Amino acid sequence: MNRTFSRPERMRMFFKQFVKEIEQLGV
């Protein structure tokens, strides 16, 4: 589990997808 948190690239990808979904919702 620490491996996922130790990878900032993965978090960035997740954040980017989150922002994309929010934009699609139109919030």
Protein backbone atom coordinates (compact mmCIF):
# COMPACT_ATOMS: atom_id res chain seq x y z
CA MET A 1 0.00 0.00 0.00
CA ASN A 2 2.92 2.32 0.71
CA ARG A 3 4.11 1.73 -2.83
CA THR A 4 1.09 3.56 -4.28
CA PHE A 5 1.54 6.53 -1.98
CA SER A 6 5.28 6.65 -2.65
CA ARG A 7 4.49 7.16 -6.34
CA PRO A 8 3.48 10.82 -6.89
CA GLU A 9 2.98 10.16 -10.58
CA ARG A 10 0.09 7.83 -9.81
CA MET A 11 -1.52 10.42 -7.53
CA ARG A 12 -1.14 13.05 -10.25
CA MET A 13 -2.85 10.80 -12.79
CA PHE A 14 -5.67 10.15 -10.35
CA PHE A 15 -6.06 13.87 -9.65
CA LYS A 16 -6.10 14.64 -13.37
CA GLN A 17 -8.86 12.09 -13.95
CA PHE A 18 -10.79 13.49 -11.00
CA VAL A 19 -10.64 16.99 -12.44
CA LYS A 20 -11.69 15.70 -15.85
CA GLU A 21 -14.74 13.99 -14.35
CA ILE A 22 -15.70 17.14 -12.48
CA GLU A 23 -15.41 19.19 -15.67
CA GLN A 24 -17.60 16.65 -17.47
CA LEU A 25 -20.24 17.04 -14.76
CA GLY A 26 -20.09 20.77 -15.27
CA VAL A 27 -19.50 21.69 -11.64
